Amino acid sequence: MTDKIAIVGAGALGGHVGAYLTKAGHDITLIDPWPEHVNHMKAHGLTLEGATEPECFTVPVKAIHITELQRAAMDGLFDFAFVAMKSYDTVWATQMIAQYLKPEGFCISLQNGINEERMASVVGWGKTVGCIAAKIAVEIFEPGLVRRNVQLGGAAHTVFRIGEPHGRTTARAEKIAEMISCADSAKVTNNLWGERWSKLVVNCMRNPVSAASGLGGNANDTDPNIRRLAIRLAGEAVEVGLALGYELEETYKMDPMDLMNAMRGDADAMAKCEQTILDNTSTRNNDQRPSMGQDMIKGRRTEIDYLNGLIADKARELGIAVPANDGIVTAVRRIERGEIEPSPEALAGF
């Protein structure tokens, strides 16, 4: 029997994955709080645009408003659910879908940040799975259209990493990895927490500089001052992650130790990291903008407290100084409050 699957949050990432899963024949219900987006999907389907022709398609999807969930559940409970909401929406979104899961059902965190603990506070650790989407660069600015601005990972880069909190390989993790591989390369990881923190390092170096500068990914990477700030942000995040005992993975094609050493003043490590970042600009188009930069344009609340704010909080607990992350948190919060405008100058002085 085909699993009945919910995706709570049909924005850029949830919509991207949901469209591929639907196209592959899975029974997917997309649940989203944006009325215009849901109405468009109901009437016209969901359109994906990517770097190659096979990535560009429109697929009819089953989309519902969150207010329609109780009625939709009359057709049967869900076998499991992906939660693809912002970090600050994790708890309520998990609470909402939990009552519509089968007794053996579970939730999968398909999000930025480290939200498995929040999810587990609702459904328990036994019903919590992590799914990391690494270097996927998807965006949504209009109803019914999701764009991907980087090349497919394929054999060169594994995009989706599915892991259990306890670190063992399970049948359900293997099942999810096989299923989601229709969207891009996928694997089961036995290092969920190390993979999560490694992705957090990337998010912390790319998202806030876009939010604060008002620039896209390539524009930030080709600016020497912003590029070095991003490396400092990443290096501090690596230092905190290692102090917490995580086994970190390669980060944006860089060795975590190089990032930390560059942050500490090693000129050779800095040059090596800078060159890798510049090389990475060739893998995406100039329109790519990290999700926090997208949020700033949309006037939405950012995830700064759940990304760089998390680094700063953990650093304080450990007695580690993270001036770059402290500074970027302050800058993004000031922009959110309307005290200053996004600009490269907003990144100066820390």
C-alpha atoms as a PDB file:
ATOM      1  CA  MET A   1       0.000   0.000   0.000  1.00  0.00           C
ATOM      2  CA  THR A   2       1.255   3.489  -0.889  1.00  0.00           C
ATOM      3  CA  ASP A   3       2.194   5.653   2.087  1.00  0.00           C
ATOM      4  CA  LYS A   4       0.118   8.754   2.672  1.00  0.00           C
ATOM      5  CA  ILE A   5       2.633  11.549   3.257  1.00  0.00           C
ATOM      6  CA  ALA A   6       2.172  15.124   4.467  1.00  0.00           C
ATOM      7  CA  ILE A   7       4.542  17.996   3.824  1.00  0.00           C
ATOM      8  CA  VAL A   8       3.874  20.792   6.297  1.00  0.00           C
ATOM      9  CA  GLY A   9       5.270  23.902   4.646  1.00  0.00           C
ATOM     10  CA  ALA A  10       5.143  23.953   0.851  1.00  0.00           C
ATOM     11  CA  GLY A  11       7.521  26.861   0.437  1.00  0.00           C
ATOM     12  CA  ALA A  12      10.839  26.694  -1.377  1.00  0.00           C
ATOM     13  CA  LEU A  13      12.218  23.484   0.114  1.00  0.00           C
ATOM     14  CA  GLY A  14       8.976  21.698   0.978  1.00  0.00           C
ATOM     15  CA  GLY A  15       7.457  22.608  -2.372  1.00  0.00           C
ATOM     16  CA  HIS A  16      10.562  21.527  -4.272  1.00  0.00           C
ATOM     17  CA  VAL A  17      10.649  18.121  -2.602  1.00  0.00           C
ATOM     18  CA  GLY A  18       6.877  17.746  -2.746  1.00  0.00           C
ATOM     19  CA  ALA A  19       6.751  18.389  -6.478  1.00  0.00           C
ATOM     20  CA  TYR A  20       9.385  15.739  -7.191  1.00  0.00           C
ATOM     21  CA  LEU A  21       7.751  13.191  -4.887  1.00  0.00           C
ATOM     22  CA  THR A  22       4.351  13.818  -6.464  1.00  0.00           C
ATOM     23  CA  LYS A  23       5.822  13.499  -9.938  1.00  0.00           C
ATOM     24  CA  ALA A  24       7.384  10.188  -8.892  1.00  0.00           C
ATOM     25  CA  GLY A  25       3.946   8.835  -7.957  1.00  0.00           C
ATOM     26  CA  HIS A  26       3.925   9.246  -4.164  1.00  0.00           C
ATOM     27  CA  ASP A  27       0.734  10.237  -2.333  1.00  0.00           C
ATOM     28  CA  ILE A  28       1.723  13.723  -1.161  1.00  0.00           C
ATOM     29  CA  THR A  29      -0.418  16.346   0.543  1.00  0.00           C
ATOM     30  CA  LEU A  30       1.133  19.817   0.660  1.00  0.00           C
ATOM     31  CA  ILE A  31      -0.083  21.875   3.623  1.00  0.00           C
ATOM     32  CA  ASP A  32       0.768  25.573   3.696  1.00  0.00           C
ATOM     33  CA  PRO A  33      -0.333  28.779   5.482  1.00  0.00           C
ATOM     34  CA  TRP A  34       0.064  31.073   2.417  1.00  0.00           C
ATOM     35  CA  PRO A  35      -3.458  31.269   0.917  1.00  0.00           C
ATOM     36  CA  GLU A  36      -2.467  32.594  -2.513  1.00  0.00           C
ATOM     37  CA  HIS A  37       0.177  29.894  -2.895  1.00  0.00           C
ATOM     38  CA  VAL A  38      -2.253  27.099  -1.991  1.00  0.00           C
ATOM     39  CA  ASN A  39      -4.950  28.502  -4.285  1.00  0.00           C
ATOM     40  CA  HIS A  40      -2.500  28.691  -7.183  1.00  0.00           C
ATOM     41  CA  MET A  41      -1.332  25.114  -6.632  1.00  0.00           C
ATOM     42  CA  LYS A  42      -4.916  23.897  -6.526  1.00  0.00           C
ATOM     43  CA  ALA A  43      -5.762  25.631  -9.792  1.00  0.00           C
ATOM     44  CA  HIS A  44      -2.527  25.385 -11.762  1.00  0.00           C
ATOM     45  CA  GLY A  45      -0.216  22.904 -10.045  1.00  0.00           C
ATOM     46  CA  LEU A  46       3.292  23.589  -8.785  1.00  0.00           C
ATOM     47  CA  THR A  47       6.012  24.764 -11.170  1.00  0.00           C
ATOM     48  CA  LEU A  48       9.720  24.115 -10.655  1.00  0.00           C
ATOM     49  CA  GLU A  49      12.506  25.885 -12.510  1.00  0.00           C
ATOM     50  CA  GLY A  50      16.133  24.750 -12.451  1.00  0.00           C
ATOM     51  CA  ALA A  51      19.430  24.843 -14.315  1.00  0.00           C
ATOM     52  CA  THR A  52      18.562  22.106 -16.820  1.00  0.00           C
ATOM     53  CA  GLU A  53      15.497  21.242 -18.896  1.00  0.00           C
ATOM     54  CA  PRO A  54      14.473  18.130 -16.871  1.00  0.00           C
ATOM     55  CA  GLU A  55      14.335  20.306 -13.737  1.00  0.00           C
ATOM     56  CA  CYS A  56      11.750  22.614 -15.298  1.00  0.00           C
ATOM     57  CA  PHE A  57       8.247  21.219 -15.081  1.00  0.00           C
ATOM     58  CA  THR A  58       4.746  21.775 -13.723  1.00  0.00           C
ATOM     59  CA  VAL A  59       2.998  18.998 -11.817  1.00  0.00           C
ATOM     60  CA  PRO A  60      -0.565  18.844 -10.466  1.00  0.00           C
ATOM     61  CA  VAL A  61      -0.350  18.557  -6.677  1.00  0.00           C
ATOM     62  CA  LYS A  62      -2.678  17.937  -3.767  1.00  0.00           C
ATOM     63  CA  ALA A  63      -2.455  21.192  -1.804  1.00  0.00           C
ATOM     64  CA  ILE A  64      -4.538  22.305   1.159  1.00  0.00           C
ATOM     65  CA  HIS A  65      -4.750  25.253   3.520  1.00  0.00           C
ATOM     66  CA  ILE A  66      -3.915  24.520   7.138  1.00  0.00           C
ATOM     67  CA  THR A  67      -7.593  25.202   7.868  1.00  0.00           C
ATOM     68  CA  GLU A  68      -8.526  22.271   5.623  1.00  0.00           C
ATOM     69  CA  LEU A  69      -6.352  19.714   7.398  1.00  0.00           C
ATOM     70  CA  GLN A  70      -9.047  18.411   9.730  1.00  0.00           C
ATOM     71  CA  ARG A  71     -11.347  17.682   6.791  1.00  0.00           C
ATOM     72  CA  ALA A  72      -8.580  16.156   4.673  1.00  0.00           C
ATOM     73  CA  ALA A  73      -7.729  13.735   7.483  1.00  0.00           C
ATOM     74  CA  MET A  74     -11.173  12.156   7.124  1.00  0.00           C
ATOM     75  CA  ASP A  75      -9.714  10.329   4.122  1.00  0.00           C
ATOM     76  CA  GLY A  76      -7.214   8.597   6.408  1.00  0.00           C
ATOM     77  CA  LEU A  77      -4.300   9.443   8.675  1.00  0.00           C
ATOM     78  CA  PHE A  78      -0.804  10.120   7.400  1.00  0.00           C
ATOM     79  CA  ASP A  79       1.944   7.511   7.586  1.00  0.00           C
ATOM     80  CA  PHE A  80       4.547  10.211   8.182  1.00  0.00           C
ATOM     81  CA  ALA A  81       5.104  13.919   7.663  1.00  0.00           C
ATOM     82  CA  PHE A  82       7.914  16.196   6.571  1.00  0.00           C
ATOM     83  CA  VAL A  83       8.006  19.474   8.480  1.00  0.00           C
ATOM     84  CA  ALA A  84       9.533  22.144   6.237  1.00  0.00           C
ATOM     85  CA  MET A  85       8.646  25.293   8.163  1.00  0.00           C
ATOM     86  CA  LYS A  86      10.906  27.980   9.586  1.00  0.00           C
ATOM     87  CA  SER A  87      12.687  27.000  12.788  1.00  0.00           C
ATOM     88  CA  TYR A  88      10.488  29.265  14.906  1.00  0.00           C
ATOM     89  CA  ASP A  89       7.388  27.471  13.550  1.00  0.00           C
ATOM     90  CA  THR A  90       8.623  23.953  14.315  1.00  0.00           C
ATOM     91  CA  VAL A  91       6.705  23.304  17.524  1.00  0.00           C
ATOM     92  CA  TRP A  92       3.256  24.457  16.449  1.00  0.00           C
ATOM     93  CA  ALA A  93       3.603  22.841  13.015  1.00  0.00           C
ATOM     94  CA  THR A  94       4.581  19.525  14.611  1.00  0.00           C
ATOM     95  CA  GLN A  95       1.740  19.788  17.106  1.00  0.00           C
ATOM     96  CA  MET A  96      -0.681  20.460  14.262  1.00  0.00           C
ATOM     97  CA  ILE A  97       0.276  17.445  12.160  1.00  0.00           C
ATOM     98  CA  ALA A  98       0.946  15.029  15.042  1.00  0.00           C
ATOM     99  CA  GLN A  99      -2.751  14.410  15.704  1.00  0.00           C
ATOM    100  CA  TYR A 100      -3.239  13.396  12.061  1.00  0.00           C
ATOM    101  CA  LEU A 101      -0.516  10.726  12.020  1.00  0.00           C
ATOM    102  CA  LYS A 102      -1.102   7.006  12.329  1.00  0.00           C
ATOM    103  CA  PRO A 103      -0.088   5.550  15.713  1.00  0.00           C
ATOM    104  CA  GLU A 104       3.216   4.382  14.240  1.00  0.00           C
ATOM    105  CA  GLY A 105       3.655   7.620  12.263  1.00  0.00           C
ATOM    106  CA  PHE A 106       6.624   9.958  12.634  1.00  0.00           C
ATOM    107  CA  CYS A 107       7.912  13.390  11.624  1.00  0.00           C
ATOM    108  CA  ILE A 108      10.933  14.365   9.550  1.00  0.00           C
ATOM    109  CA  SER A 109      12.641  17.718  10.046  1.00  0.00           C
ATOM    110  CA  LEU A 110      13.335  19.056   6.534  1.00  0.00           C
ATOM    111  CA  GLN A 111      14.610  22.430   7.733  1.00  0.00           C
ATOM    112  CA  ASN A 112      17.571  24.685   8.268  1.00  0.00           C
ATOM    113  CA  GLY A 113      18.902  24.875  11.796  1.00  0.00           C
ATOM    114  CA  ILE A 114      18.814  22.145  14.419  1.00  0.00           C
ATOM    115  CA  ASN A 115      15.155  21.522  15.206  1.00  0.00           C
ATOM    116  CA  GLU A 116      14.993  17.834  16.071  1.00  0.00           C
ATOM    117  CA  GLU A 117      14.839  18.599  19.795  1.00  0.00           C
ATOM    118  CA  ARG A 118      11.883  20.933  19.272  1.00  0.00           C
ATOM    119  CA  MET A 119      10.156  18.301  17.173  1.00  0.00           C
ATOM    120  CA  ALA A 120      10.867  15.590  19.745  1.00  0.00           C
ATOM    121  CA  SER A 121       9.349  17.769  22.475  1.00  0.00           C
ATOM    122  CA  VAL A 122       6.031  17.184  20.709  1.00  0.00           C
ATOM    123  CA  VAL A 123       6.179  13.650  19.258  1.00  0.00           C
ATOM    124  CA  GLY A 124       9.086  12.116  21.188  1.00  0.00           C
ATOM    125  CA  TRP A 125      12.540  11.064  20.023  1.00  0.00           C
ATOM    126  CA  GLY A 126      11.277   7.747  18.677  1.00  0.00           C
ATOM    127  CA  LYS A 127       9.110   9.587  16.162  1.00  0.00           C
ATOM    128  CA  THR A 128      11.712  12.151  15.117  1.00  0.00           C
ATOM    129  CA  VAL A 129      13.961  11.873  12.042  1.00  0.00           C
ATOM    130  CA  GLY A 130      16.316  14.460  10.557  1.00  0.00           C
ATOM    131  CA  CYS A 131      16.699  15.296   6.867  1.00  0.00           C
ATOM    132  CA  ILE A 132      19.404  17.762   5.871  1.00  0.00           C
ATOM    133  CA  ALA A 133      19.228  19.499   2.496  1.00  0.00           C
ATOM    134  CA  ALA A 134      22.771  20.612   1.735  1.00  0.00           C
ATOM    135  CA  LYS A 135      23.543  23.164  -0.968  1.00  0.00           C
ATOM    136  CA  ILE A 136      20.141  23.170  -2.634  1.00  0.00           C
ATOM    137  CA  ALA A 137      19.521  26.944  -3.004  1.00  0.00           C
ATOM    138  CA  VAL A 138      15.785  27.024  -3.684  1.00  0.00           C
ATOM    139  CA  GLU A 139      13.600  30.109  -3.483  1.00  0.00           C
ATOM    140  CA  ILE A 140       9.976  31.127  -3.793  1.00  0.00           C
ATOM    141  CA  PHE A 141       8.837  34.692  -4.437  1.00  0.00           C
ATOM    142  CA  GLU A 142       5.486  34.135  -6.117  1.00  0.00           C
ATOM    143  CA  PRO A 143       2.667  31.631  -5.661  1.00  0.00           C
ATOM    144  CA  GLY A 144       3.137  28.276  -7.345  1.00  0.00           C
ATOM    145  CA  LEU A 145       6.728  28.762  -8.520  1.00  0.00           C
ATOM    146  CA  VAL A 146       9.896  27.387  -6.904  1.00  0.00           C
ATOM    147  CA  ARG A 147      13.281  28.163  -8.439  1.00  0.00           C
ATOM    148  CA  ARG A 148      16.526  26.325  -7.838  1.00  0.00           C
ATOM    149  CA  ASN A 149      19.637  28.398  -8.475  1.00  0.00           C
ATOM    150  CA  VAL A 150      22.397  25.802  -8.207  1.00  0.00           C
ATOM    151  CA  GLN A 151      23.249  22.754 -10.236  1.00  0.00           C
ATOM    152  CA  LEU A 152      22.002  19.339  -9.174  1.00  0.00           C
ATOM    153  CA  GLY A 153      24.299  17.668  -6.673  1.00  0.00           C
ATOM    154  CA  GLY A 154      24.205  14.233  -8.248  1.00  0.00           C
ATOM    155  CA  ALA A 155      27.293  12.119  -7.771  1.00  0.00           C
ATOM    156  CA  ALA A 156      29.477  15.157  -7.028  1.00  0.00           C
ATOM    157  CA  HIS A 157      27.572  16.315  -3.950  1.00  0.00           C
ATOM    158  CA  THR A 158      25.021  14.459  -1.822  1.00  0.00           C
ATOM    159  CA  VAL A 159      22.186  16.887  -1.196  1.00  0.00           C
ATOM    160  CA  PHE A 160      19.840  14.995   1.147  1.00  0.00           C
ATOM    161  CA  ARG A 161      21.210  13.299   4.285  1.00  0.00           C
ATOM    162  CA  ILE A 162      18.682  11.383   6.377  1.00  0.00           C
ATOM    163  CA  GLY A 163      19.563  10.364   9.906  1.00  0.00           C
ATOM    164  CA  GLU A 164      18.164   9.030  13.149  1.00  0.00           C
ATOM    165  CA  PRO A 165      18.963  10.937  16.362  1.00  0.00           C
ATOM    166  CA  HIS A 166      20.453   7.761  17.866  1.00  0.00           C
ATOM    167  CA  GLY A 167      22.868   7.416  14.929  1.00  0.00           C
ATOM    168  CA  ARG A 168      21.916   3.946  13.732  1.00  0.00           C
ATOM    169  CA  THR A 169      20.716   2.989  10.266  1.00  0.00           C
ATOM    170  CA  THR A 170      17.037   2.045  10.265  1.00  0.00           C
ATOM    171  CA  ALA A 171      14.619   0.765   7.661  1.00  0.00           C
ATOM    172  CA  ARG A 172      12.628   4.008   7.757  1.00  0.00           C
ATOM    173  CA  ALA A 173      15.733   6.142   7.184  1.00  0.00           C
ATOM    174  CA  GLU A 174      16.706   3.968   4.216  1.00  0.00           C
ATOM    175  CA  LYS A 175      13.162   4.197   2.887  1.00  0.00           C
ATOM    176  CA  ILE A 176      13.135   8.009   3.083  1.00  0.00           C
ATOM    177  CA  ALA A 177      16.552   8.260   1.428  1.00  0.00           C
ATOM    178  CA  GLU A 178      15.464   6.040  -1.442  1.00  0.00           C
ATOM    179  CA  MET A 179      12.218   7.945  -1.842  1.00  0.00           C
ATOM    180  CA  ILE A 180      13.694  11.439  -1.781  1.00  0.00           C
ATOM    181  CA  SER A 181      16.476  10.512  -4.206  1.00  0.00           C
ATOM    182  CA  CYS A 182      14.025  11.315  -7.014  1.00  0.00           C
ATOM    183  CA  ALA A 183      14.667  14.995  -6.177  1.00  0.00           C
ATOM    184  CA  ASP A 184      18.474  14.711  -5.962  1.00  0.00           C
ATOM    185  CA  SER A 185      21.196  12.533  -4.478  1.00  0.00           C
ATOM    186  CA  ALA A 186      20.433  11.147  -1.005  1.00  0.00           C
ATOM    187  CA  LYS A 187      22.020   8.957   1.645  1.00  0.00           C
ATOM    188  CA  VAL A 188      21.496   7.716   5.177  1.00  0.00           C
ATOM    189  CA  THR A 189      23.895   9.279   7.651  1.00  0.00           C
ATOM    190  CA  ASN A 190      24.986   7.827  10.983  1.00  0.00           C
ATOM    191  CA  ASN A 191      26.255  11.269  11.966  1.00  0.00           C
ATOM    192  CA  LEU A 192      23.069  13.353  12.070  1.00  0.00           C
ATOM    193  CA  TRP A 193      24.364  15.806  14.671  1.00  0.00           C
ATOM    194  CA  GLY A 194      27.718  16.309  12.979  1.00  0.00           C
ATOM    195  CA  GLU A 195      25.993  16.761   9.625  1.00  0.00           C
ATOM    196  CA  ARG A 196      23.466  19.157  11.168  1.00  0.00           C
ATOM    197  CA  TRP A 197      26.185  21.300  12.734  1.00  0.00           C
ATOM    198  CA  SER A 198      28.189  21.263   9.502  1.00  0.00           C
ATOM    199  CA  LYS A 199      25.133  22.552   7.627  1.00  0.00           C
ATOM    200  CA  LEU A 200      24.634  25.104  10.399  1.00  0.00           C
ATOM    201  CA  VAL A 201      28.166  26.363   9.728  1.00  0.00           C
ATOM    202  CA  VAL A 202      27.242  26.941   6.080  1.00  0.00           C
ATOM    203  CA  ASN A 203      23.982  28.648   6.996  1.00  0.00           C
ATOM    204  CA  CYS A 204      25.760  30.903   9.480  1.00  0.00           C
ATOM    205  CA  MET A 205      28.329  32.042   6.938  1.00  0.00           C
ATOM    206  CA  ARG A 206      25.907  32.641   4.054  1.00  0.00           C
ATOM    207  CA  ASN A 207      22.442  33.535   5.329  1.00  0.00           C
ATOM    208  CA  PRO A 208      23.095  36.513   7.617  1.00  0.00           C
ATOM    209  CA  VAL A 209      25.549  38.261   5.298  1.00  0.00           C
ATOM    210  CA  SER A 210      22.891  38.217   2.581  1.00  0.00           C
ATOM    211  CA  ALA A 211      20.234  39.468   4.990  1.00  0.00           C
ATOM    212  CA  ALA A 212      22.442  42.270   6.270  1.00  0.00           C
ATOM    213  CA  SER A 213      24.149  43.276   3.030  1.00  0.00           C
ATOM    214  CA  GLY A 214      21.076  43.096   0.799  1.00  0.00           C
ATOM    215  CA  LEU A 215      23.182  41.244  -1.776  1.00  0.00           C
ATOM    216  CA  GLY A 216      22.915  37.831  -3.371  1.00  0.00           C
ATOM    217  CA  GLY A 217      25.313  34.928  -2.840  1.00  0.00           C
ATOM    218  CA  ASN A 218      27.767  35.616  -5.658  1.00  0.00           C
ATOM    219  CA  ALA A 219      27.880  39.353  -4.978  1.00  0.00           C
ATOM    220  CA  ASN A 220      28.799  38.674  -1.361  1.00  0.00           C
ATOM    221  CA  ASP A 221      31.387  36.064  -2.276  1.00  0.00           C
ATOM    222  CA  THR A 222      33.193  38.362  -4.702  1.00  0.00           C
ATOM    223  CA  ASP A 223      33.425  41.181  -2.151  1.00  0.00           C
ATOM    224  CA  PRO A 224      36.713  40.604  -0.248  1.00  0.00           C
ATOM    225  CA  ASN A 225      35.527  42.084   3.049  1.00  0.00           C
ATOM    226  CA  ILE A 226      32.225  40.209   3.100  1.00  0.00           C
ATOM    227  CA  ARG A 227      33.933  36.994   1.991  1.00  0.00           C
ATOM    228  CA  ARG A 228      36.398  37.146   4.889  1.00  0.00           C
ATOM    229  CA  LEU A 229      33.636  37.974   7.346  1.00  0.00           C
ATOM    230  CA  ALA A 230      31.773  34.875   6.154  1.00  0.00           C
ATOM    231  CA  ILE A 231      34.884  32.791   6.821  1.00  0.00           C
ATOM    232  CA  ARG A 232      35.185  34.248  10.319  1.00  0.00           C
ATOM    233  CA  LEU A 233      31.542  33.433  11.000  1.00  0.00           C
ATOM    234  CA  ALA A 234      32.098  29.866   9.825  1.00  0.00           C
ATOM    235  CA  GLY A 235      35.348  29.483  11.745  1.00  0.00           C
ATOM    236  CA  GLU A 236      33.700  30.522  14.995  1.00  0.00           C
ATOM    237  CA  ALA A 237      30.837  28.093  14.362  1.00  0.00           C
ATOM    238  CA  VAL A 238      33.338  25.294  13.720  1.00  0.00           C
ATOM    239  CA  GLU A 239      35.181  26.076  16.963  1.00  0.00           C
ATOM    240  CA  VAL A 240      31.947  25.866  18.952  1.00  0.00           C
ATOM    241  CA  GLY A 241      30.845  22.676  17.203  1.00  0.00           C
ATOM    242  CA  LEU A 242      34.143  20.951  17.912  1.00  0.00           C
ATOM    243  CA  ALA A 243      33.991  22.072  21.550  1.00  0.00           C
ATOM    244  CA  LEU A 244      30.555  20.460  21.776  1.00  0.00           C
ATOM    245  CA  GLY A 245      32.049  17.201  20.519  1.00  0.00           C
ATOM    246  CA  TYR A 246      30.491  17.038  17.072  1.00  0.00           C
ATOM    247  CA  GLU A 247      32.210  15.177  14.253  1.00  0.00           C
ATOM    248  CA  LEU A 248      32.093  17.810  11.535  1.00  0.00           C
ATOM    249  CA  GLU A 249      31.916  17.063   7.829  1.00  0.00           C
ATOM    250  CA  GLU A 250      33.331  18.972   4.863  1.00  0.00           C
ATOM    251  CA  THR A 251      31.740  22.403   4.875  1.00  0.00           C
ATOM    252  CA  TYR A 252      30.916  24.060   1.551  1.00  0.00           C
ATOM    253  CA  LYS A 253      33.841  22.110   0.029  1.00  0.00           C
ATOM    254  CA  MET A 254      36.152  23.326   2.816  1.00  0.00           C
ATOM    255  CA  ASP A 255      37.871  21.458   5.626  1.00  0.00           C
ATOM    256  CA  PRO A 256      36.362  22.663   8.926  1.00  0.00           C
ATOM    257  CA  MET A 257      39.867  22.964  10.369  1.00  0.00           C
ATOM    258  CA  ASP A 258      40.838  25.346   7.553  1.00  0.00           C
ATOM    259  CA  LEU A 259      37.872  27.546   8.413  1.00  0.00           C
ATOM    260  CA  MET A 260      38.757  27.604  12.092  1.00  0.00           C
ATOM    261  CA  ASN A 261      42.430  28.262  11.416  1.00  0.00           C
ATOM    262  CA  ALA A 262      41.555  31.041   8.970  1.00  0.00           C
ATOM    263  CA  MET A 263      39.353  32.634  11.632  1.00  0.00           C
ATOM    264  CA  ARG A 264      42.293  32.436  14.052  1.00  0.00           C
ATOM    265  CA  GLY A 265      44.582  34.331  11.683  1.00  0.00           C
ATOM    266  CA  ASP A 266      46.267  31.653   9.565  1.00  0.00           C
ATOM    267  CA  ALA A 267      46.911  33.484   6.262  1.00  0.00           C
ATOM    268  CA  ASP A 268      47.408  30.311   4.225  1.00  0.00           C
ATOM    269  CA  ALA A 269      44.146  28.818   5.513  1.00  0.00           C
ATOM    270  CA  MET A 270      42.342  32.086   4.778  1.00  0.00           C
ATOM    271  CA  ALA A 271      43.667  32.160   1.206  1.00  0.00           C
ATOM    272  CA  LYS A 272      42.660  28.531   0.697  1.00  0.00           C
ATOM    273  CA  CYS A 273      39.122  29.142   1.971  1.00  0.00           C
ATOM    274  CA  GLU A 274      38.734  32.326  -0.053  1.00  0.00           C
ATOM    275  CA  GLN A 275      39.708  30.542  -3.248  1.00  0.00           C
ATOM    276  CA  THR A 276      37.222  27.745  -2.595  1.00  0.00           C
ATOM    277  CA  ILE A 277      34.435  30.265  -2.020  1.00  0.00           C
ATOM    278  CA  LEU A 278      35.304  32.055  -5.248  1.00  0.00           C
ATOM    279  CA  ASP A 279      35.372  28.736  -7.120  1.00  0.00           C
ATOM    280  CA  ASN A 280      31.931  27.921  -5.741  1.00  0.00           C
ATOM    281  CA  THR A 281      30.425  30.957  -7.473  1.00  0.00           C
ATOM    282  CA  SER A 282      30.582  29.045 -10.753  1.00  0.00           C
ATOM    283  CA  THR A 283      28.105  26.440  -9.481  1.00  0.00           C
ATOM    284  CA  ARG A 284      25.146  28.845  -9.131  1.00  0.00           C
ATOM    285  CA  ASN A 285      23.650  31.764 -11.000  1.00  0.00           C
ATOM    286  CA  ASN A 286      23.847  35.385  -9.897  1.00  0.00           C
ATOM    287  CA  ASP A 287      20.186  35.408  -8.866  1.00  0.00           C
ATOM    288  CA  GLN A 288      20.797  32.993  -5.984  1.00  0.00           C
ATOM    289  CA  ARG A 289      20.020  34.524  -2.612  1.00  0.00           C
ATOM    290  CA  PRO A 290      20.195  32.597   0.693  1.00  0.00           C
ATOM    291  CA  SER A 291      16.890  32.093   2.472  1.00  0.00           C
ATOM    292  CA  MET A 292      17.496  34.743   5.130  1.00  0.00           C
ATOM    293  CA  GLY A 293      18.161  37.269   2.393  1.00  0.00           C
ATOM    294  CA  GLN A 294      14.880  36.211   0.790  1.00  0.00           C
ATOM    295  CA  ASP A 295      13.099  36.684   4.116  1.00  0.00           C
ATOM    296  CA  MET A 296      14.470  40.197   4.439  1.00  0.00           C
ATOM    297  CA  ILE A 297      13.152  41.131   0.990  1.00  0.00           C
ATOM    298  CA  LYS A 298       9.746  39.682   1.864  1.00  0.00           C
ATOM    299  CA  GLY A 299       9.633  41.554   5.173  1.00  0.00           C
ATOM    300  CA  ARG A 300       9.455  38.265   7.073  1.00  0.00           C
ATOM    301  CA  ARG A 301      11.015  37.353  10.369  1.00  0.00           C
ATOM    302  CA  THR A 302      14.434  35.778   9.849  1.00  0.00           C
ATOM    303  CA  GLU A 303      15.899  32.693  11.509  1.00  0.00           C
ATOM    304  CA  ILE A 304      18.878  34.627  12.907  1.00  0.00           C
ATOM    305  CA  ASP A 305      18.133  33.521  16.497  1.00  0.00           C
ATOM    306  CA  TYR A 306      18.156  29.865  15.392  1.00  0.00           C
ATOM    307  CA  LEU A 307      21.339  30.064  13.319  1.00  0.00           C
ATOM    308  CA  ASN A 308      24.008  32.548  14.416  1.00  0.00           C
ATOM    309  CA  GLY A 309      22.041  33.166  17.604  1.00  0.00           C
ATOM    310  CA  LEU A 310      22.414  29.487  18.443  1.00  0.00           C
ATOM    311  CA  ILE A 311      26.164  29.718  17.875  1.00  0.00           C
ATOM    312  CA  ALA A 312      26.349  32.722  20.185  1.00  0.00           C
ATOM    313  CA  ASP A 313      24.256  31.019  22.893  1.00  0.00           C
ATOM    314  CA  LYS A 314      26.311  27.825  22.862  1.00  0.00           C
ATOM    315  CA  ALA A 315      29.544  29.819  22.815  1.00  0.00           C
ATOM    316  CA  ARG A 316      28.527  31.671  25.969  1.00  0.00           C
ATOM    317  CA  GLU A 317      27.810  28.372  27.694  1.00  0.00           C
ATOM    318  CA  LEU A 318      31.299  27.173  26.743  1.00  0.00           C
ATOM    319  CA  GLY A 319      33.096  30.441  27.492  1.00  0.00           C
ATOM    320  CA  ILE A 320      34.171  30.876  23.849  1.00  0.00           C
ATOM    321  CA  ALA A 321      34.306  34.319  22.251  1.00  0.00           C
ATOM    322  CA  VAL A 322      32.443  34.621  18.938  1.00  0.00           C
ATOM    323  CA  PRO A 323      32.568  38.341  18.100  1.00  0.00           C
ATOM    324  CA  ALA A 324      31.663  37.913  14.425  1.00  0.00           C
ATOM    325  CA  ASN A 325      28.520  35.911  15.200  1.00  0.00           C
ATOM    326  CA  ASP A 326      27.546  38.269  18.028  1.00  0.00           C
ATOM    327  CA  GLY A 327      27.973  41.198  15.643  1.00  0.00           C
ATOM    328  CA  ILE A 328      25.969  39.727  12.788  1.00  0.00           C
ATOM    329  CA  VAL A 329      23.111  38.827  15.133  1.00  0.00           C
ATOM    330  CA  THR A 330      22.971  42.438  16.322  1.00  0.00           C
ATOM    331  CA  ALA A 331      23.109  43.777  12.761  1.00  0.00           C
ATOM    332  CA  VAL A 332      20.314  41.535  11.452  1.00  0.00           C
ATOM    333  CA  ARG A 333      18.094  42.287  14.439  1.00  0.00           C
ATOM    334  CA  ARG A 334      18.575  46.025  13.892  1.00  0.00           C
ATOM    335  CA  ILE A 335      17.585  45.653  10.237  1.00  0.00           C
ATOM    336  CA  GLU A 336      14.522  43.612  11.206  1.00  0.00           C
ATOM    337  CA  ARG A 337      13.489  46.424  13.576  1.00  0.00           C
ATOM    338  CA  GLY A 338      13.916  49.000  10.822  1.00  0.00           C
ATOM    339  CA  GLU A 339      16.741  50.842  12.587  1.00  0.00           C
ATOM    340  CA  ILE A 340      19.130  50.482   9.634  1.00  0.00           C
ATOM    341  CA  GLU A 341      18.829  49.424   6.000  1.00  0.00           C
ATOM    342  CA  PRO A 342      20.455  46.307   4.505  1.00  0.00           C
ATOM    343  CA  SER A 343      23.754  47.309   2.913  1.00  0.00           C
ATOM    344  CA  PRO A 344      27.404  46.201   2.870  1.00  0.00           C
ATOM    345  CA  GLU A 345      28.046  48.998   5.366  1.00  0.00           C
ATOM    346  CA  ALA A 346      25.789  47.231   7.864  1.00  0.00           C
ATOM    347  CA  LEU A 347      28.486  44.548   8.101  1.00  0.00           C
ATOM    348  CA  ALA A 348      31.276  46.918   9.009  1.00  0.00           C
ATOM    349  CA  GLY A 349      32.818  47.160  12.453  1.00  0.00           C
ATOM    350  CA  PHE A 350      32.714  43.622  13.798  1.00  0.00           C
END
